[in-house]
Amino acid sequence: MKSKLFKIGLDKHLALVLMAMIMLCSGCSSLNIGADPAKKPFTIVVLPDTQNYADVREKWAQSHFNIPDQRFCFYEQTKWIKNNKKKLNIQMVAHVGDIVQYDYPDEWAIADTAFTTIDNTVPYILSLGNHDMGCEIKPGTAHSRETKVNNYFPPSRFENNPIYQYGGNLDNRSDNYFLTFEEAGMKFLMLSLEFKPRDEALAWANKVVAAHPNHQCIIVTHAYLMKNGQRFTSLNYDIEGNAGEEMWEKLVSLHKNIFMVVCGHTEPNARLVSKGVHGNNVYQLLSDFQFEKGGQGFLRIMKFYPEEKRIDVSTYSPVLKEYKEDPRNKFSLEFNLEQD
């Protein structure tokens, strides 16, 4: 009789434990029961102009703002990206140009050191700015398209890396190239265009985008938006090429799968939403912090929420360990991430 009562009591105890576990699981929102794991949030990080971090010769920012050598800002940015790759599900890093100050080898060596940190962790795509080319002819920038970027970041650096889906380039150089990646059940195309892109670069880009109709496309370039949020109509540099408005007319507006352009070159930050010829929204985002004591390590975090059809954009400095909270630097974009 005693053993029978013990068994009944044990059965009741187990039943209560089981019921408690069921109630706990069903009411625990943090477990995200029912969510599609294939549509989990993911992140693209944008690195704005890093020229002052690599400036070990002219030292413009150091003298102008009375601050020390800034290369540690560059190193902290890529270190932070590596350390947060898993937490934020970082799928891509996009540099919008002016990687270095005056195209000197020792400046590119700093950029090389910074990006080596994430070489085997996160794919990245680089865009050339005016400070990355044509600096040796006479004072100033972009007097020609000569650049040392290919000495440090040749196509082979990306083609031979297994974490990359390297798509191709123009003229076997890293001045214009593209990458792809897949996440949340979607395909993405990241396309880098040189500073003030030539007509032949835009013609190449049109072919690339047209050949990837099922990829959501982000254009990565340097000088596209002005600080007033409108596209550049001219760029006063010696090289021939196209400004932002011409890029819009000859490339960006023509493809329904181009949904974003990220750029740098000038401050403060700005954004513009325009409709392409197919009625699609194109988000055009400018970020540049170089005149804030050289940049202070600020970068852009674009977090994609596929199920909410939303992109949250925030601005953070791993150097200062702080966010910018103003509307220019913290905002959300509506975006239907479902593909046809």
C-alpha atoms as a PDB file:
ATOM      1  CA  MET A   1       0.000   0.000   0.000  1.00  0.00           C
ATOM      2  CA  LYS A   2       2.823   2.342   0.911  1.00  0.00           C
ATOM      3  CA  SER A   3       4.666   1.698  -2.385  1.00  0.00           C
ATOM      4  CA  LYS A   4       1.463   2.243  -4.341  1.00  0.00           C
ATOM      5  CA  LEU A   5       0.899   5.622  -2.696  1.00  0.00           C
ATOM      6  CA  PHE A   6       4.532   6.546  -3.412  1.00  0.00           C
ATOM      7  CA  LYS A   7       4.057   5.647  -7.083  1.00  0.00           C
ATOM      8  CA  ILE A   8       0.895   7.759  -7.319  1.00  0.00           C
ATOM      9  CA  GLY A   9       2.683  10.697  -5.711  1.00  0.00           C
ATOM     10  CA  LEU A  10       5.630  10.312  -8.059  1.00  0.00           C
ATOM     11  CA  ASP A  11       3.340  10.199 -11.101  1.00  0.00           C
ATOM     12  CA  LYS A  12       1.618  13.411  -9.963  1.00  0.00           C
ATOM     13  CA  HIS A  13       4.973  15.084  -9.421  1.00  0.00           C
ATOM     14  CA  LEU A  14       6.186  14.153 -12.897  1.00  0.00           C
ATOM     15  CA  ALA A  15       2.923  15.354 -14.415  1.00  0.00           C
ATOM     16  CA  LEU A  16       3.233  18.727 -12.689  1.00  0.00           C
ATOM     17  CA  VAL A  17       6.835  19.102 -13.857  1.00  0.00           C
ATOM     18  CA  LEU A  18       5.830  18.243 -17.421  1.00  0.00           C
ATOM     19  CA  MET A  19       2.939  20.740 -17.365  1.00  0.00           C
ATOM     20  CA  ALA A  20       5.230  23.465 -16.028  1.00  0.00           C
ATOM     21  CA  MET A  21       7.751  22.829 -18.788  1.00  0.00           C
ATOM     22  CA  ILE A  22       5.052  22.999 -21.460  1.00  0.00           C
ATOM     23  CA  MET A  23       3.675  26.269 -20.067  1.00  0.00           C
ATOM     24  CA  LEU A  24       7.161  27.752 -19.810  1.00  0.00           C
ATOM     25  CA  CYS A  25       8.060  26.899 -23.389  1.00  0.00           C
ATOM     26  CA  SER A  26       4.751  28.050 -24.846  1.00  0.00           C
ATOM     27  CA  GLY A  27       4.943  31.383 -23.065  1.00  0.00           C
ATOM     28  CA  CYS A  28       8.610  32.121 -23.596  1.00  0.00           C
ATOM     29  CA  SER A  29       8.870  34.600 -26.466  1.00  0.00           C
ATOM     30  CA  SER A  30      12.663  34.602 -26.305  1.00  0.00           C
ATOM     31  CA  LEU A  31      12.662  31.087 -27.714  1.00  0.00           C
ATOM     32  CA  ASN A  32      11.014  32.490 -30.858  1.00  0.00           C
ATOM     33  CA  ILE A  33       8.970  29.329 -31.369  1.00  0.00           C
ATOM     34  CA  GLY A  34       7.640  29.127 -34.901  1.00  0.00           C
ATOM     35  CA  ALA A  35      10.194  31.505 -36.422  1.00  0.00           C
ATOM     36  CA  ASP A  36      11.802  30.454 -39.662  1.00  0.00           C
ATOM     37  CA  PRO A  37      15.525  29.931 -38.913  1.00  0.00           C
ATOM     38  CA  ALA A  38      16.275  30.567 -42.584  1.00  0.00           C
ATOM     39  CA  LYS A  39      15.048  34.141 -42.162  1.00  0.00           C
ATOM     40  CA  LYS A  40      17.047  35.170 -39.112  1.00  0.00           C
ATOM     41  CA  PRO A  41      18.374  38.758 -39.032  1.00  0.00           C
ATOM     42  CA  PHE A  42      21.717  39.504 -40.643  1.00  0.00           C
ATOM     43  CA  THR A  43      24.019  42.497 -40.928  1.00  0.00           C
ATOM     44  CA  ILE A  44      26.005  44.444 -43.508  1.00  0.00           C
ATOM     45  CA  VAL A  45      28.616  46.842 -42.105  1.00  0.00           C
ATOM     46  CA  VAL A  46      29.584  49.997 -44.019  1.00  0.00           C
ATOM     47  CA  LEU A  47      33.037  51.510 -43.478  1.00  0.00           C
ATOM     48  CA  PRO A  48      33.078  55.216 -44.419  1.00  0.00           C
ATOM     49  CA  ASP A  49      36.195  57.142 -45.464  1.00  0.00           C
ATOM     50  CA  THR A  50      39.196  55.852 -43.493  1.00  0.00           C
ATOM     51  CA  GLN A  51      41.762  58.153 -45.112  1.00  0.00           C
ATOM     52  CA  ASN A  52      42.723  59.911 -41.873  1.00  0.00           C
ATOM     53  CA  TYR A  53      43.417  56.608 -40.130  1.00  0.00           C
ATOM     54  CA  ALA A  54      45.997  55.721 -42.782  1.00  0.00           C
ATOM     55  CA  ASP A  55      47.508  59.211 -43.050  1.00  0.00           C
ATOM     56  CA  VAL A  56      51.013  58.757 -41.639  1.00  0.00           C
ATOM     57  CA  ARG A  57      52.703  61.284 -43.961  1.00  0.00           C
ATOM     58  CA  GLU A  58      50.647  64.451 -44.339  1.00  0.00           C
ATOM     59  CA  LYS A  59      48.977  63.904 -40.935  1.00  0.00           C
ATOM     60  CA  TRP A  60      46.167  66.323 -41.797  1.00  0.00           C
ATOM     61  CA  ALA A  61      43.735  65.193 -39.102  1.00  0.00           C
ATOM     62  CA  GLN A  62      46.449  65.001 -36.454  1.00  0.00           C
ATOM     63  CA  SER A  63      47.527  68.596 -37.001  1.00  0.00           C
ATOM     64  CA  HIS A  64      44.040  69.977 -37.686  1.00  0.00           C
ATOM     65  CA  PHE A  65      42.378  68.452 -34.631  1.00  0.00           C
ATOM     66  CA  ASN A  66      45.478  68.153 -32.424  1.00  0.00           C
ATOM     67  CA  ILE A  67      45.022  64.395 -32.055  1.00  0.00           C
ATOM     68  CA  PRO A  68      47.488  61.468 -32.071  1.00  0.00           C
ATOM     69  CA  ASP A  69      48.118  58.915 -34.810  1.00  0.00           C
ATOM     70  CA  GLN A  70      44.731  57.521 -35.863  1.00  0.00           C
ATOM     71  CA  ARG A  71      45.621  54.163 -37.381  1.00  0.00           C
ATOM     72  CA  PHE A  72      44.309  52.401 -34.259  1.00  0.00           C
ATOM     73  CA  CYS A  73      40.791  53.508 -35.310  1.00  0.00           C
ATOM     74  CA  PHE A  74      41.096  51.462 -38.516  1.00  0.00           C
ATOM     75  CA  TYR A  75      42.400  48.470 -36.577  1.00  0.00           C
ATOM     76  CA  GLU A  76      39.641  48.731 -33.961  1.00  0.00           C
ATOM     77  CA  GLN A  77      36.960  48.809 -36.653  1.00  0.00           C
ATOM     78  CA  THR A  78      37.987  45.528 -38.257  1.00  0.00           C
ATOM     79  CA  LYS A  79      38.738  43.958 -34.873  1.00  0.00           C
ATOM     80  CA  TRP A  80      35.190  44.809 -33.776  1.00  0.00           C
ATOM     81  CA  ILE A  81      33.785  43.334 -36.992  1.00  0.00           C
ATOM     82  CA  LYS A  82      35.652  40.089 -36.398  1.00  0.00           C
ATOM     83  CA  ASN A  83      34.556  39.887 -32.765  1.00  0.00           C
ATOM     84  CA  ASN A  84      30.900  40.555 -33.638  1.00  0.00           C
ATOM     85  CA  LYS A  85      30.659  38.415 -36.767  1.00  0.00           C
ATOM     86  CA  LYS A  86      28.646  35.691 -35.040  1.00  0.00           C
ATOM     87  CA  LYS A  87      26.610  37.889 -32.689  1.00  0.00           C
ATOM     88  CA  LEU A  88      25.347  40.188 -35.460  1.00  0.00           C
ATOM     89  CA  ASN A  89      25.478  37.578 -38.233  1.00  0.00           C
ATOM     90  CA  ILE A  90      27.665  39.919 -40.310  1.00  0.00           C
ATOM     91  CA  GLN A  91      27.564  38.761 -43.918  1.00  0.00           C
ATOM     92  CA  MET A  92      29.439  41.558 -45.687  1.00  0.00           C
ATOM     93  CA  VAL A  93      31.556  44.666 -45.117  1.00  0.00           C
ATOM     94  CA  ALA A  94      31.432  47.497 -47.676  1.00  0.00           C
ATOM     95  CA  HIS A  95      34.065  50.245 -47.778  1.00  0.00           C
ATOM     96  CA  VAL A  96      32.793  53.328 -49.626  1.00  0.00           C
ATOM     97  CA  GLY A  97      36.189  54.705 -50.651  1.00  0.00           C
ATOM     98  CA  ASP A  98      39.012  57.015 -49.610  1.00  0.00           C
ATOM     99  CA  ILE A  99      40.615  54.003 -48.037  1.00  0.00           C
ATOM    100  CA  VAL A 100      43.907  55.913 -47.756  1.00  0.00           C
ATOM    101  CA  GLN A 101      44.964  59.561 -47.892  1.00  0.00           C
ATOM    102  CA  TYR A 102      47.390  59.935 -50.827  1.00  0.00           C
ATOM    103  CA  ASP A 103      47.975  56.467 -52.320  1.00  0.00           C
ATOM    104  CA  TYR A 104      51.347  56.003 -50.571  1.00  0.00           C
ATOM    105  CA  PRO A 105      52.614  52.435 -50.004  1.00  0.00           C
ATOM    106  CA  ASP A 106      52.877  52.927 -46.238  1.00  0.00           C
ATOM    107  CA  GLU A 107      49.234  54.041 -46.180  1.00  0.00           C
ATOM    108  CA  TRP A 108      48.132  50.963 -48.098  1.00  0.00           C
ATOM    109  CA  ALA A 109      50.170  48.844 -45.674  1.00  0.00           C
ATOM    110  CA  ILE A 110      47.963  50.157 -42.859  1.00  0.00           C
ATOM    111  CA  ALA A 111      44.814  49.292 -44.811  1.00  0.00           C
ATOM    112  CA  ASP A 112      46.273  45.873 -45.550  1.00  0.00           C
ATOM    113  CA  THR A 113      46.914  45.255 -41.846  1.00  0.00           C
ATOM    114  CA  ALA A 114      43.394  46.355 -40.939  1.00  0.00           C
ATOM    115  CA  PHE A 115      41.665  44.119 -43.487  1.00  0.00           C
ATOM    116  CA  THR A 116      43.935  41.151 -42.825  1.00  0.00           C
ATOM    117  CA  THR A 117      42.104  40.953 -39.484  1.00  0.00           C
ATOM    118  CA  ILE A 118      38.907  39.891 -41.254  1.00  0.00           C
ATOM    119  CA  ASP A 119      40.374  38.211 -44.343  1.00  0.00           C
ATOM    120  CA  ASN A 120      39.231  34.771 -43.206  1.00  0.00           C
ATOM    121  CA  THR A 121      36.194  35.894 -41.205  1.00  0.00           C
ATOM    122  CA  VAL A 122      33.918  38.212 -43.215  1.00  0.00           C
ATOM    123  CA  PRO A 123      33.904  39.017 -46.950  1.00  0.00           C
ATOM    124  CA  TYR A 124      34.512  42.689 -47.725  1.00  0.00           C
ATOM    125  CA  ILE A 125      34.241  44.828 -50.833  1.00  0.00           C
ATOM    126  CA  LEU A 126      36.263  47.994 -51.470  1.00  0.00           C
ATOM    127  CA  SER A 127      35.382  51.059 -53.517  1.00  0.00           C
ATOM    128  CA  LEU A 128      38.024  53.503 -54.720  1.00  0.00           C
ATOM    129  CA  GLY A 129      37.770  57.167 -53.727  1.00  0.00           C
ATOM    130  CA  ASN A 130      39.530  60.218 -55.107  1.00  0.00           C
ATOM    131  CA  HIS A 131      42.185  59.954 -52.377  1.00  0.00           C
ATOM    132  CA  ASP A 132      43.041  56.433 -53.539  1.00  0.00           C
ATOM    133  CA  MET A 133      44.234  57.456 -57.004  1.00  0.00           C
ATOM    134  CA  GLY A 134      46.226  59.947 -59.054  1.00  0.00           C
ATOM    135  CA  CYS A 135      48.021  61.634 -56.166  1.00  0.00           C
ATOM    136  CA  GLU A 136      51.643  61.611 -57.379  1.00  0.00           C
ATOM    137  CA  ILE A 137      51.394  63.901 -60.419  1.00  0.00           C
ATOM    138  CA  LYS A 138      50.808  67.096 -58.448  1.00  0.00           C
ATOM    139  CA  PRO A 139      49.231  68.125 -55.129  1.00  0.00           C
ATOM    140  CA  GLY A 140      45.660  66.961 -54.772  1.00  0.00           C
ATOM    141  CA  THR A 141      43.824  63.792 -55.731  1.00  0.00           C
ATOM    142  CA  ALA A 142      42.373  61.953 -58.738  1.00  0.00           C
ATOM    143  CA  HIS A 143      44.599  63.592 -61.341  1.00  0.00           C
ATOM    144  CA  SER A 144      44.692  60.156 -62.985  1.00  0.00           C
ATOM    145  CA  ARG A 145      43.352  56.669 -62.359  1.00  0.00           C
ATOM    146  CA  GLU A 146      46.740  55.330 -61.316  1.00  0.00           C
ATOM    147  CA  THR A 147      46.395  53.554 -57.975  1.00  0.00           C
ATOM    148  CA  LYS A 148      48.336  51.118 -55.826  1.00  0.00           C
ATOM    149  CA  VAL A 149      45.218  49.353 -54.577  1.00  0.00           C
ATOM    150  CA  ASN A 150      45.908  46.403 -56.870  1.00  0.00           C
ATOM    151  CA  ASN A 151      49.339  45.904 -55.296  1.00  0.00           C
ATOM    152  CA  TYR A 152      47.667  45.190 -51.967  1.00  0.00           C
ATOM    153  CA  PHE A 153      44.148  44.069 -52.872  1.00  0.00           C
ATOM    154  CA  PRO A 154      44.447  42.325 -56.256  1.00  0.00           C
ATOM    155  CA  PRO A 155      41.578  40.172 -57.541  1.00  0.00           C
ATOM    156  CA  SER A 156      43.485  37.051 -56.447  1.00  0.00           C
ATOM    157  CA  ARG A 157      43.169  38.110 -52.799  1.00  0.00           C
ATOM    158  CA  PHE A 158      39.423  37.560 -53.078  1.00  0.00           C
ATOM    159  CA  GLU A 159      39.271  34.900 -55.801  1.00  0.00           C
ATOM    160  CA  ASN A 160      41.481  32.534 -53.798  1.00  0.00           C
ATOM    161  CA  ASN A 161      39.643  33.021 -50.504  1.00  0.00           C
ATOM    162  CA  PRO A 162      37.063  30.269 -49.840  1.00  0.00           C
ATOM    163  CA  ILE A 163      34.747  32.528 -47.815  1.00  0.00           C
ATOM    164  CA  TYR A 164      34.117  34.676 -50.912  1.00  0.00           C
ATOM    165  CA  GLN A 165      31.656  34.233 -53.750  1.00  0.00           C
ATOM    166  CA  TYR A 166      33.774  36.294 -56.127  1.00  0.00           C
ATOM    167  CA  GLY A 167      31.841  37.261 -59.236  1.00  0.00           C
ATOM    168  CA  GLY A 168      34.309  39.046 -61.497  1.00  0.00           C
ATOM    169  CA  ASN A 169      35.888  42.390 -62.329  1.00  0.00           C
ATOM    170  CA  LEU A 170      36.643  44.879 -65.082  1.00  0.00           C
ATOM    171  CA  ASP A 171      40.086  44.695 -66.734  1.00  0.00           C
ATOM    172  CA  ASN A 172      41.427  42.174 -64.194  1.00  0.00           C
ATOM    173  CA  ARG A 173      41.690  44.872 -61.531  1.00  0.00           C
ATOM    174  CA  SER A 174      40.024  45.671 -58.205  1.00  0.00           C
ATOM    175  CA  ASP A 175      38.883  49.120 -59.361  1.00  0.00           C
ATOM    176  CA  ASN A 176      35.481  47.653 -60.323  1.00  0.00           C
ATOM    177  CA  TYR A 177      34.339  44.205 -59.199  1.00  0.00           C
ATOM    178  CA  PHE A 178      31.438  42.333 -57.643  1.00  0.00           C
ATOM    179  CA  LEU A 179      30.688  39.732 -55.008  1.00  0.00           C
ATOM    180  CA  THR A 180      27.578  37.711 -54.246  1.00  0.00           C
ATOM    181  CA  PHE A 181      26.243  36.095 -51.106  1.00  0.00           C
ATOM    182  CA  GLU A 182      23.130  34.265 -49.989  1.00  0.00           C
ATOM    183  CA  GLU A 183      21.312  34.767 -46.705  1.00  0.00           C
ATOM    184  CA  ALA A 184      17.752  34.469 -45.388  1.00  0.00           C
ATOM    185  CA  GLY A 185      16.750  32.568 -48.509  1.00  0.00           C
ATOM    186  CA  MET A 186      17.808  35.436 -50.772  1.00  0.00           C
ATOM    187  CA  LYS A 187      20.624  36.198 -53.168  1.00  0.00           C
ATOM    188  CA  PHE A 188      22.571  39.447 -52.953  1.00  0.00           C
ATOM    189  CA  LEU A 189      24.892  41.204 -55.388  1.00  0.00           C
ATOM    190  CA  MET A 190      27.462  43.691 -54.057  1.00  0.00           C
ATOM    191  CA  LEU A 191      28.888  45.773 -56.906  1.00  0.00           C
ATOM    192  CA  SER A 192      31.820  48.157 -56.428  1.00  0.00           C
ATOM    193  CA  LEU A 193      32.294  51.093 -58.804  1.00  0.00           C
ATOM    194  CA  GLU A 194      35.370  53.300 -59.051  1.00  0.00           C
ATOM    195  CA  PHE A 195      35.375  57.003 -58.173  1.00  0.00           C
ATOM    196  CA  LYS A 196      33.688  59.039 -60.919  1.00  0.00           C
ATOM    197  CA  PRO A 197      33.088  55.859 -62.960  1.00  0.00           C
ATOM    198  CA  ARG A 198      33.851  55.876 -66.666  1.00  0.00           C
ATOM    199  CA  ASP A 199      31.198  55.042 -69.235  1.00  0.00           C
ATOM    200  CA  GLU A 200      32.850  51.667 -69.821  1.00  0.00           C
ATOM    201  CA  ALA A 201      32.623  50.905 -66.107  1.00  0.00           C
ATOM    202  CA  LEU A 202      28.907  51.708 -66.114  1.00  0.00           C
ATOM    203  CA  ALA A 203      28.386  49.599 -69.249  1.00  0.00           C
ATOM    204  CA  TRP A 204      30.117  46.688 -67.516  1.00  0.00           C
ATOM    205  CA  ALA A 205      28.004  47.215 -64.388  1.00  0.00           C
ATOM    206  CA  ASN A 206      24.778  47.205 -66.413  1.00  0.00           C
ATOM    207  CA  LYS A 207      25.709  43.815 -67.857  1.00  0.00           C
ATOM    208  CA  VAL A 208      26.540  42.421 -64.413  1.00  0.00           C
ATOM    209  CA  VAL A 209      23.263  43.544 -62.849  1.00  0.00           C
ATOM    210  CA  ALA A 210      21.226  42.348 -65.844  1.00  0.00           C
ATOM    211  CA  ALA A 211      22.902  38.945 -65.605  1.00  0.00           C
ATOM    212  CA  HIS A 212      21.771  38.615 -61.963  1.00  0.00           C
ATOM    213  CA  PRO A 213      18.019  39.392 -62.083  1.00  0.00           C
ATOM    214  CA  ASN A 214      17.313  37.278 -59.000  1.00  0.00           C
ATOM    215  CA  HIS A 215      19.918  39.021 -56.844  1.00  0.00           C
ATOM    216  CA  GLN A 216      19.118  42.034 -54.681  1.00  0.00           C
ATOM    217  CA  CYS A 217      21.810  44.553 -55.641  1.00  0.00           C
ATOM    218  CA  ILE A 218      23.717  47.097 -53.550  1.00  0.00           C
ATOM    219  CA  ILE A 219      25.978  49.549 -55.396  1.00  0.00           C
ATOM    220  CA  VAL A 220      29.103  50.523 -53.432  1.00  0.00           C
ATOM    221  CA  THR A 221      30.757  53.703 -54.679  1.00  0.00           C
ATOM    222  CA  HIS A 222      32.454  56.837 -53.374  1.00  0.00           C
ATOM    223  CA  ALA A 223      31.040  60.165 -54.617  1.00  0.00           C
ATOM    224  CA  TYR A 224      27.325  59.873 -55.334  1.00  0.00           C
ATOM    225  CA  LEU A 225      25.248  61.931 -52.864  1.00  0.00           C
ATOM    226  CA  MET A 226      25.947  65.483 -51.739  1.00  0.00           C
ATOM    227  CA  LYS A 227      25.504  66.595 -48.134  1.00  0.00           C
ATOM    228  CA  ASN A 228      22.103  68.111 -49.019  1.00  0.00           C
ATOM    229  CA  GLY A 229      20.845  64.649 -49.931  1.00  0.00           C
ATOM    230  CA  GLN A 230      20.829  65.239 -53.685  1.00  0.00           C
ATOM    231  CA  ARG A 231      22.990  63.450 -56.222  1.00  0.00           C
ATOM    232  CA  PHE A 232      26.168  65.115 -57.483  1.00  0.00           C
ATOM    233  CA  THR A 233      25.666  66.681 -60.904  1.00  0.00           C
ATOM    234  CA  SER A 234      29.387  67.294 -61.410  1.00  0.00           C
ATOM    235  CA  LEU A 235      32.715  66.384 -59.803  1.00  0.00           C
ATOM    236  CA  ASN A 236      35.586  68.808 -60.353  1.00  0.00           C
ATOM    237  CA  TYR A 237      38.505  66.422 -60.844  1.00  0.00           C
ATOM    238  CA  ASP A 238      40.903  65.936 -63.752  1.00  0.00           C
ATOM    239  CA  ILE A 239      39.725  62.436 -64.652  1.00  0.00           C
ATOM    240  CA  GLU A 240      36.807  61.875 -67.012  1.00  0.00           C
ATOM    241  CA  GLY A 241      33.773  60.083 -65.662  1.00  0.00           C
ATOM    242  CA  ASN A 242      30.261  60.267 -64.291  1.00  0.00           C
ATOM    243  CA  ALA A 243      28.837  62.025 -61.246  1.00  0.00           C
ATOM    244  CA  GLY A 244      25.950  60.723 -59.135  1.00  0.00           C
ATOM    245  CA  GLU A 245      23.101  61.993 -61.310  1.00  0.00           C
ATOM    246  CA  GLU A 246      24.639  60.417 -64.401  1.00  0.00           C
ATOM    247  CA  MET A 247      25.165  57.168 -62.502  1.00  0.00           C
ATOM    248  CA  TRP A 248      21.483  57.231 -61.589  1.00  0.00           C
ATOM    249  CA  GLU A 249      20.378  57.819 -65.176  1.00  0.00           C
ATOM    250  CA  LYS A 250      22.796  55.371 -66.823  1.00  0.00           C
ATOM    251  CA  LEU A 251      22.700  52.522 -64.278  1.00  0.00           C
ATOM    252  CA  VAL A 252      20.976  52.715 -60.917  1.00  0.00           C
ATOM    253  CA  SER A 253      17.468  53.679 -62.049  1.00  0.00           C
ATOM    254  CA  LEU A 254      17.344  51.100 -64.844  1.00  0.00           C
ATOM    255  CA  HIS A 255      17.239  47.852 -62.844  1.00  0.00           C
ATOM    256  CA  LYS A 256      14.419  46.817 -60.528  1.00  0.00           C
ATOM    257  CA  ASN A 257      16.769  44.674 -58.435  1.00  0.00           C
ATOM    258  CA  ILE A 258      19.020  47.592 -57.453  1.00  0.00           C
ATOM    259  CA  PHE A 259      17.616  48.625 -54.079  1.00  0.00           C
ATOM    260  CA  MET A 260      20.484  50.519 -52.442  1.00  0.00           C
ATOM    261  CA  VAL A 261      23.523  52.706 -53.077  1.00  0.00           C
ATOM    262  CA  VAL A 262      26.032  53.342 -50.280  1.00  0.00           C
ATOM    263  CA  CYS A 263      28.591  56.122 -50.655  1.00  0.00           C
ATOM    264  CA  GLY A 264      30.940  58.499 -48.830  1.00  0.00           C
ATOM    265  CA  HIS A 265      33.196  61.404 -49.914  1.00  0.00           C
ATOM    266  CA  THR A 266      31.492  64.289 -48.131  1.00  0.00           C
ATOM    267  CA  GLU A 267      29.766  65.041 -44.871  1.00  0.00           C
ATOM    268  CA  PRO A 268      27.402  65.273 -43.071  1.00  0.00           C
ATOM    269  CA  ASN A 269      25.379  62.115 -43.529  1.00  0.00           C
ATOM    270  CA  ALA A 270      22.374  62.123 -45.840  1.00  0.00           C
ATOM    271  CA  ARG A 271      19.899  59.800 -47.507  1.00  0.00           C
ATOM    272  CA  LEU A 272      17.612  59.891 -50.500  1.00  0.00           C
ATOM    273  CA  VAL A 273      14.837  57.575 -51.678  1.00  0.00           C
ATOM    274  CA  SER A 274      14.109  57.580 -55.414  1.00  0.00           C
ATOM    275  CA  LYS A 275      11.950  55.405 -57.648  1.00  0.00           C
ATOM    276  CA  GLY A 276      13.575  53.564 -60.516  1.00  0.00           C
ATOM    277  CA  VAL A 277      11.977  53.188 -63.932  1.00  0.00           C
ATOM    278  CA  HIS A 278      10.306  49.968 -62.737  1.00  0.00           C
ATOM    279  CA  GLY A 279       8.712  51.716 -59.750  1.00  0.00           C
ATOM    280  CA  ASN A 280      11.133  50.211 -57.248  1.00  0.00           C
ATOM    281  CA  ASN A 281      12.421  52.195 -54.289  1.00  0.00           C
ATOM    282  CA  VAL A 282      16.177  52.805 -54.243  1.00  0.00           C
ATOM    283  CA  TYR A 283      17.710  53.825 -50.916  1.00  0.00           C
ATOM    284  CA  GLN A 284      20.787  56.021 -51.385  1.00  0.00           C
ATOM    285  CA  LEU A 285      22.813  56.422 -48.192  1.00  0.00           C
ATOM    286  CA  LEU A 286      25.764  58.744 -47.560  1.00  0.00           C
ATOM    287  CA  SER A 287      28.010  58.256 -44.530  1.00  0.00           C
ATOM    288  CA  ASP A 288      31.253  60.088 -43.798  1.00  0.00           C
ATOM    289  CA  PHE A 289      32.749  61.071 -40.432  1.00  0.00           C
ATOM    290  CA  GLN A 290      36.226  62.239 -41.436  1.00  0.00           C
ATOM    291  CA  PHE A 291      35.723  65.806 -40.177  1.00  0.00           C
ATOM    292  CA  GLU A 292      34.813  64.625 -36.678  1.00  0.00           C
ATOM    293  CA  LYS A 293      38.336  64.508 -35.276  1.00  0.00           C
ATOM    294  CA  GLY A 294      39.401  62.326 -38.180  1.00  0.00           C
ATOM    295  CA  GLY A 295      36.470  59.920 -37.923  1.00  0.00           C
ATOM    296  CA  GLN A 296      36.725  58.514 -34.392  1.00  0.00           C
ATOM    297  CA  GLY A 297      36.080  55.003 -35.674  1.00  0.00           C
ATOM    298  CA  PHE A 298      32.400  55.463 -36.535  1.00  0.00           C
ATOM    299  CA  LEU A 299      30.883  52.899 -38.893  1.00  0.00           C
ATOM    300  CA  ARG A 300      27.422  52.007 -40.157  1.00  0.00           C
ATOM    301  CA  ILE A 301      25.535  48.889 -39.064  1.00  0.00           C
ATOM    302  CA  MET A 302      22.699  47.849 -41.376  1.00  0.00           C
ATOM    303  CA  LYS A 303      20.702  45.072 -39.735  1.00  0.00           C
ATOM    304  CA  PHE A 304      18.216  43.275 -41.988  1.00  0.00           C
ATOM    305  CA  TYR A 305      15.040  41.785 -40.480  1.00  0.00           C
ATOM    306  CA  PRO A 306      13.534  39.603 -43.225  1.00  0.00           C
ATOM    307  CA  GLU A 307      10.335  38.679 -41.397  1.00  0.00           C
ATOM    308  CA  GLU A 308       9.625  42.290 -40.392  1.00  0.00           C
ATOM    309  CA  LYS A 309      10.564  43.588 -43.873  1.00  0.00           C
ATOM    310  CA  ARG A 310      12.789  46.181 -42.256  1.00  0.00           C
ATOM    311  CA  ILE A 311      16.386  47.398 -42.218  1.00  0.00           C
ATOM    312  CA  ASP A 312      17.594  49.139 -39.059  1.00  0.00           C
ATOM    313  CA  VAL A 313      20.545  51.470 -39.643  1.00  0.00           C
ATOM    314  CA  SER A 314      22.694  52.535 -36.696  1.00  0.00           C
ATOM    315  CA  THR A 315      26.028  54.311 -36.309  1.00  0.00           C
ATOM    316  CA  TYR A 316      28.598  53.048 -33.821  1.00  0.00           C
ATOM    317  CA  SER A 317      32.217  53.675 -32.861  1.00  0.00           C
ATOM    318  CA  PRO A 318      34.150  50.704 -31.451  1.00  0.00           C
ATOM    319  CA  VAL A 319      36.817  53.254 -30.479  1.00  0.00           C
ATOM    320  CA  LEU A 320      34.515  55.440 -28.365  1.00  0.00           C
ATOM    321  CA  LYS A 321      32.134  52.548 -27.666  1.00  0.00           C
ATOM    322  CA  GLU A 322      29.139  54.754 -28.317  1.00  0.00           C
ATOM    323  CA  TYR A 323      26.274  55.162 -30.784  1.00  0.00           C
ATOM    324  CA  LYS A 324      25.031  58.269 -32.552  1.00  0.00           C
ATOM    325  CA  GLU A 325      21.353  58.681 -31.678  1.00  0.00           C
ATOM    326  CA  ASP A 326      20.263  61.531 -33.987  1.00  0.00           C
ATOM    327  CA  PRO A 327      17.868  60.859 -36.917  1.00  0.00           C
ATOM    328  CA  ARG A 328      20.636  61.185 -39.513  1.00  0.00           C
ATOM    329  CA  ASN A 329      22.489  58.290 -37.932  1.00  0.00           C
ATOM    330  CA  LYS A 330      19.752  56.060 -36.539  1.00  0.00           C
ATOM    331  CA  PHE A 331      16.768  55.186 -38.722  1.00  0.00           C
ATOM    332  CA  SER A 332      14.808  52.338 -40.281  1.00  0.00           C
ATOM    333  CA  LEU A 333      14.015  51.530 -43.896  1.00  0.00           C
ATOM    334  CA  GLU A 334      11.044  49.570 -45.146  1.00  0.00           C
ATOM    335  CA  PHE A 335      12.034  46.873 -47.545  1.00  0.00           C
ATOM    336  CA  ASN A 336      10.240  43.802 -48.861  1.00  0.00           C
ATOM    337  CA  LEU A 337      12.959  41.202 -48.682  1.00  0.00           C
ATOM    338  CA  GLU A 338      10.857  38.570 -50.404  1.00  0.00           C
ATOM    339  CA  GLN A 339      12.095  37.811 -53.900  1.00  0.00           C
ATOM    340  CA  ASP A 340       9.842  37.122 -56.855  1.00  0.00           C
END
